[in-house]
Amino acid sequence: MKQYNSIKAKYPDALLLFRVGDFYETFGEDATKAAGILGIVLTKRRNGAASYVNLAGFPHHSLDTYLPKLVKAGYRVAICDQLEDPKLAKKIVKRGVT
């Protein structure tokens, strides 16, 4: 979440689609908005000792289906991809907005 938050801070006016493995995930307020627009499940995941964060995601191969819906709803969208092979990453996978 630390990596997500630092990237999101650079794009505060955009919905951030954050690539995690085979999925694009949204978190927090972005997840609430995306779930409503896209008709996908809004869930929560543990974020630290006692708090939770909203989460909604979809398979990366469905980007061409979901991205136009977000744009048509009037949102700017930033797509954050994995910039290295996760199998070769020593720690957290490098990511950046593409």
N, C-alpha and C. Protein backbone atom coordinates (compact mmCIF):
# COMPACT_ATOMS: atom_id res chain seq x y z
N MET A 1 0.82 -1.19 0.00
CA MET A 1 0.00 0.00 0.00
C MET A 1 0.87 1.26 0.00
N LYS A 2 2.07 1.15 0.56
CA LYS A 2 2.97 2.31 0.58
C LYS A 2 3.30 2.72 -0.86
N GLN A 3 3.61 1.74 -1.71
CA GLN A 3 3.92 2.02 -3.11
C GLN A 3 2.70 2.61 -3.82
N TYR A 4 1.53 2.02 -3.59
CA TYR A 4 0.29 2.52 -4.20
C TYR A 4 0.06 3.97 -3.79
N ASN A 5 0.15 4.26 -2.49
CA ASN A 5 -0.11 5.62 -1.99
C ASN A 5 0.85 6.64 -2.57
N SER A 6 2.11 6.27 -2.75
CA SER A 6 3.07 7.23 -3.31
C SER A 6 2.77 7.52 -4.78
N ILE A 7 2.32 6.52 -5.52
CA ILE A 7 1.96 6.74 -6.92
C ILE A 7 0.65 7.51 -7.02
N LYS A 8 -0.33 7.15 -6.18
CA LYS A 8 -1.63 7.83 -6.19
C LYS A 8 -1.45 9.32 -5.88
N ALA A 9 -0.52 9.66 -5.01
CA ALA A 9 -0.28 11.05 -4.65
C ALA A 9 0.13 11.89 -5.85
N LYS A 10 0.75 11.26 -6.85
CA LYS A 10 1.16 11.97 -8.06
C LYS A 10 0.00 12.18 -9.03
N TYR A 11 -1.08 11.42 -8.84
CA TYR A 11 -2.24 11.48 -9.74
C TYR A 11 -3.52 11.57 -8.91
N PRO A 12 -3.65 12.61 -8.07
CA PRO A 12 -4.80 12.66 -7.16
C PRO A 12 -6.15 12.86 -7.86
N ASP A 13 -6.12 13.40 -9.07
CA ASP A 13 -7.38 13.67 -9.78
C ASP A 13 -7.76 12.55 -10.75
N ALA A 14 -7.07 11.41 -10.67
CA ALA A 14 -7.35 10.29 -11.57
C ALA A 14 -7.68 9.04 -10.77
N LEU A 15 -8.50 8.18 -11.36
CA LEU A 15 -8.68 6.84 -10.81
C LEU A 15 -7.42 6.07 -11.16
N LEU A 16 -6.80 5.45 -10.18
CA LEU A 16 -5.56 4.72 -10.41
C LEU A 16 -5.84 3.23 -10.52
N LEU A 17 -5.57 2.67 -11.70
CA LEU A 17 -5.66 1.23 -11.91
C LEU A 17 -4.26 0.67 -11.66
N PHE A 18 -4.12 -0.09 -10.60
CA PHE A 18 -2.82 -0.54 -10.09
C PHE A 18 -2.66 -2.02 -10.38
N ARG A 19 -1.72 -2.36 -11.25
CA ARG A 19 -1.53 -3.76 -11.66
C ARG A 19 -0.92 -4.58 -10.53
N VAL A 20 -1.64 -5.64 -10.15
CA VAL A 20 -1.17 -6.58 -9.14
C VAL A 20 -1.35 -7.97 -9.73
N GLY A 21 -0.26 -8.54 -10.21
CA GLY A 21 -0.35 -9.85 -10.86
C GLY A 21 -1.19 -9.78 -12.11
N ASP A 22 -2.23 -10.58 -12.17
CA ASP A 22 -3.10 -10.64 -13.35
C ASP A 22 -4.30 -9.70 -13.26
N PHE A 23 -4.31 -8.79 -12.28
CA PHE A 23 -5.45 -7.91 -12.07
C PHE A 23 -5.04 -6.45 -12.03
N TYR A 24 -5.98 -5.59 -12.40
CA TYR A 24 -5.88 -4.16 -12.10
C TYR A 24 -6.75 -3.94 -10.88
N GLU A 25 -6.15 -3.40 -9.82
CA GLU A 25 -6.86 -3.16 -8.57
C GLU A 25 -7.03 -1.67 -8.36
N THR A 26 -8.13 -1.33 -7.70
CA THR A 26 -8.36 0.03 -7.24
C THR A 26 -8.53 -0.04 -5.73
N PHE A 27 -8.16 1.02 -5.04
CA PHE A 27 -8.22 1.03 -3.58
C PHE A 27 -8.90 2.30 -3.08
N GLY A 28 -9.44 2.23 -1.87
CA GLY A 28 -10.02 3.39 -1.22
C GLY A 28 -11.20 3.97 -1.98
N GLU A 29 -11.20 5.29 -2.09
CA GLU A 29 -12.30 5.99 -2.79
C GLU A 29 -12.38 5.58 -4.26
N ASP A 30 -11.22 5.33 -4.87
CA ASP A 30 -11.20 4.89 -6.27
C ASP A 30 -11.95 3.56 -6.41
N ALA A 31 -11.80 2.68 -5.44
CA ALA A 31 -12.48 1.38 -5.48
C ALA A 31 -13.99 1.55 -5.38
N THR A 32 -14.43 2.45 -4.52
CA THR A 32 -15.86 2.70 -4.36
C THR A 32 -16.45 3.22 -5.66
N LYS A 33 -15.77 4.17 -6.29
CA LYS A 33 -16.24 4.74 -7.56
C LYS A 33 -16.22 3.69 -8.67
N ALA A 34 -15.11 2.97 -8.80
CA ALA A 34 -14.97 1.98 -9.87
C ALA A 34 -16.01 0.87 -9.74
N ALA A 35 -16.23 0.38 -8.53
CA ALA A 35 -17.20 -0.70 -8.33
C ALA A 35 -18.59 -0.26 -8.79
N GLY A 36 -18.97 0.96 -8.47
CA GLY A 36 -20.29 1.46 -8.87
C GLY A 36 -20.43 1.63 -10.37
N ILE A 37 -19.41 2.17 -10.99
CA ILE A 37 -19.45 2.42 -12.43
C ILE A 37 -19.36 1.12 -13.23
N LEU A 38 -18.49 0.23 -12.79
CA LEU A 38 -18.20 -0.98 -13.56
C LEU A 38 -19.09 -2.17 -13.19
N GLY A 39 -19.81 -2.05 -12.09
CA GLY A 39 -20.65 -3.16 -11.65
C GLY A 39 -19.82 -4.35 -11.17
N ILE A 40 -18.69 -4.06 -10.51
CA ILE A 40 -17.84 -5.12 -9.97
C ILE A 40 -17.94 -5.10 -8.45
N VAL A 41 -17.48 -6.16 -7.83
CA VAL A 41 -17.60 -6.32 -6.39
C VAL A 41 -16.65 -5.38 -5.65
N LEU A 42 -17.21 -4.70 -4.65
CA LEU A 42 -16.42 -3.87 -3.74
C LEU A 42 -16.17 -4.70 -2.48
N THR A 43 -14.92 -4.87 -2.14
CA THR A 43 -14.57 -5.66 -0.96
C THR A 43 -13.60 -4.85 -0.11
N LYS A 44 -13.10 -5.46 0.94
CA LYS A 44 -12.13 -4.79 1.81
C LYS A 44 -10.96 -5.73 2.03
N ARG A 45 -9.80 -5.14 2.26
CA ARG A 45 -8.64 -5.94 2.63
C ARG A 45 -7.97 -5.29 3.82
N ARG A 46 -7.31 -6.10 4.59
CA ARG A 46 -6.62 -5.59 5.78
C ARG A 46 -5.48 -4.67 5.35
N ASN A 47 -5.38 -3.56 6.04
CA ASN A 47 -4.35 -2.56 5.74
C ASN A 47 -3.73 -2.12 7.06
N GLY A 48 -2.77 -2.87 7.52
CA GLY A 48 -2.14 -2.53 8.78
C GLY A 48 -2.80 -3.26 9.94
N ALA A 49 -2.51 -2.84 11.13
CA ALA A 49 -2.91 -3.54 12.34
C ALA A 49 -4.42 -3.67 12.51
N ALA A 50 -5.15 -2.59 12.39
CA ALA A 50 -6.58 -2.66 12.71
C ALA A 50 -7.48 -2.05 11.66
N SER A 51 -6.92 -1.54 10.56
CA SER A 51 -7.77 -0.85 9.59
C SER A 51 -7.96 -1.69 8.33
N TYR A 52 -8.94 -1.30 7.56
CA TYR A 52 -9.24 -1.95 6.28
C TYR A 52 -9.30 -0.89 5.19
N VAL A 53 -9.08 -1.32 3.96
CA VAL A 53 -9.16 -0.41 2.82
C VAL A 53 -10.08 -1.05 1.78
N ASN A 54 -10.92 -0.24 1.14
CA ASN A 54 -11.78 -0.74 0.08
C ASN A 54 -10.93 -1.19 -1.10
N LEU A 55 -11.42 -2.22 -1.79
CA LEU A 55 -10.70 -2.83 -2.90
C LEU A 55 -11.71 -3.30 -3.95
N ALA A 56 -11.42 -3.01 -5.21
CA ALA A 56 -12.21 -3.53 -6.33
C ALA A 56 -11.25 -3.71 -7.50
N GLY A 57 -11.38 -4.83 -8.19
CA GLY A 57 -10.46 -5.08 -9.28
C GLY A 57 -11.07 -5.93 -10.37
N PHE A 58 -10.32 -6.03 -11.47
CA PHE A 58 -10.76 -6.84 -12.60
C PHE A 58 -9.53 -7.40 -13.30
N PRO A 59 -9.70 -8.51 -14.05
CA PRO A 59 -8.56 -9.12 -14.75
C PRO A 59 -7.94 -8.15 -15.76
N HIS A 60 -6.61 -8.17 -15.86
CA HIS A 60 -5.92 -7.23 -16.74
C HIS A 60 -6.35 -7.37 -18.20
N HIS A 61 -6.74 -8.57 -18.61
CA HIS A 61 -7.14 -8.76 -20.01
C HIS A 61 -8.50 -8.14 -20.31
N SER A 62 -9.19 -7.63 -19.29
CA SER A 62 -10.49 -6.97 -19.47
C SER A 62 -10.36 -5.45 -19.53
N LEU A 63 -9.14 -4.94 -19.59
CA LEU A 63 -8.94 -3.49 -19.58
C LEU A 63 -9.71 -2.80 -20.70
N ASP A 64 -9.72 -3.37 -21.90
CA ASP A 64 -10.41 -2.75 -23.03
C ASP A 64 -11.92 -2.69 -22.82
N THR A 65 -12.45 -3.51 -21.96
CA THR A 65 -13.88 -3.49 -21.64
C THR A 65 -14.17 -2.42 -20.59
N TYR A 66 -13.34 -2.35 -19.54
CA TYR A 66 -13.63 -1.48 -18.41
C TYR A 66 -13.13 -0.04 -18.54
N LEU A 67 -11.98 0.15 -19.17
CA LEU A 67 -11.42 1.50 -19.29
C LEU A 67 -12.37 2.49 -19.97
N PRO A 68 -12.99 2.14 -21.11
CA PRO A 68 -13.92 3.09 -21.74
C PRO A 68 -15.10 3.48 -20.83
N LYS A 69 -15.55 2.57 -19.99
CA LYS A 69 -16.66 2.88 -19.08
C LYS A 69 -16.26 3.93 -18.06
N LEU A 70 -15.04 3.85 -17.57
CA LEU A 70 -14.56 4.85 -16.61
C LEU A 70 -14.41 6.21 -17.26
N VAL A 71 -13.87 6.22 -18.47
CA VAL A 71 -13.67 7.48 -19.19
C VAL A 71 -15.03 8.10 -19.56
N LYS A 72 -15.96 7.28 -20.04
CA LYS A 72 -17.30 7.79 -20.39
C LYS A 72 -18.03 8.34 -19.18
N ALA A 73 -17.70 7.83 -17.99
CA ALA A 73 -18.31 8.33 -16.76
C ALA A 73 -17.68 9.65 -16.33
N GLY A 74 -16.68 10.12 -17.08
CA GLY A 74 -16.08 11.42 -16.82
C GLY A 74 -14.81 11.41 -15.98
N TYR A 75 -14.22 10.24 -15.78
CA TYR A 75 -13.02 10.15 -14.95
C TYR A 75 -11.75 10.12 -15.79
N ARG A 76 -10.71 10.76 -15.24
CA ARG A 76 -9.36 10.56 -15.77
C ARG A 76 -8.87 9.28 -15.15
N VAL A 77 -8.12 8.50 -15.91
CA VAL A 77 -7.63 7.22 -15.42
C VAL A 77 -6.12 7.14 -15.62
N ALA A 78 -5.42 6.75 -14.58
CA ALA A 78 -3.98 6.50 -14.66
C ALA A 78 -3.77 4.99 -14.53
N ILE A 79 -3.02 4.42 -15.46
CA ILE A 79 -2.78 2.98 -15.46
C ILE A 79 -1.35 2.74 -14.97
N CYS A 80 -1.25 2.04 -13.86
CA CYS A 80 0.04 1.75 -13.25
C CYS A 80 0.37 0.29 -13.49
N ASP A 81 1.41 0.05 -14.27
CA ASP A 81 1.80 -1.31 -14.63
C ASP A 81 3.05 -1.75 -13.89
N GLN A 82 3.24 -3.06 -13.86
CA GLN A 82 4.47 -3.64 -13.32
C GLN A 82 5.57 -3.43 -14.36
N LEU A 83 6.68 -2.86 -13.94
CA LEU A 83 7.75 -2.52 -14.86
C LEU A 83 8.87 -3.55 -14.89
N GLU A 84 8.70 -4.61 -14.11
CA GLU A 84 9.68 -5.69 -14.13
C GLU A 84 8.96 -7.01 -13.89
N ASP A 85 9.60 -8.07 -14.22
CA ASP A 85 9.05 -9.40 -14.02
C ASP A 85 9.01 -9.69 -12.52
N PRO A 86 7.83 -9.98 -11.96
CA PRO A 86 7.75 -10.24 -10.53
C PRO A 86 8.64 -11.39 -10.06
N LYS A 87 8.92 -12.34 -10.93
CA LYS A 87 9.78 -13.47 -10.56
C LYS A 87 11.23 -13.03 -10.35
N LEU A 88 11.60 -11.92 -10.98
CA LEU A 88 12.97 -11.42 -10.87
C LEU A 88 13.13 -10.32 -9.83
N ALA A 89 12.02 -9.84 -9.30
CA ALA A 89 12.07 -8.75 -8.32
C ALA A 89 12.63 -9.27 -7.00
N LYS A 90 13.52 -8.49 -6.42
CA LYS A 90 14.11 -8.89 -5.16
C LYS A 90 13.21 -8.53 -3.99
N LYS A 91 12.45 -7.47 -4.11
CA LYS A 91 11.53 -7.05 -3.06
C LYS A 91 10.19 -6.74 -3.71
N ILE A 92 9.74 -5.52 -3.60
CA ILE A 92 8.47 -5.10 -4.21
C ILE A 92 8.70 -4.85 -5.69
N VAL A 93 7.78 -5.31 -6.51
CA VAL A 93 7.87 -5.13 -7.96
C VAL A 93 7.83 -3.64 -8.29
N LYS A 94 8.73 -3.20 -9.16
CA LYS A 94 8.72 -1.80 -9.61
C LYS A 94 7.49 -1.57 -10.46
N ARG A 95 6.82 -0.44 -10.21
CA ARG A 95 5.62 -0.08 -10.95
C ARG A 95 5.70 1.38 -11.34
N GLY A 96 4.99 1.73 -12.42
CA GLY A 96 4.92 3.11 -12.85
C GLY A 96 3.73 3.32 -13.76
N VAL A 97 3.29 4.56 -13.83
CA VAL A 97 2.16 4.92 -14.66
C VAL A 97 2.61 4.90 -16.12
N THR A 98 1.91 4.11 -16.92
CA THR A 98 2.26 3.98 -18.32
C THR A 98 1.26 4.70 -19.19
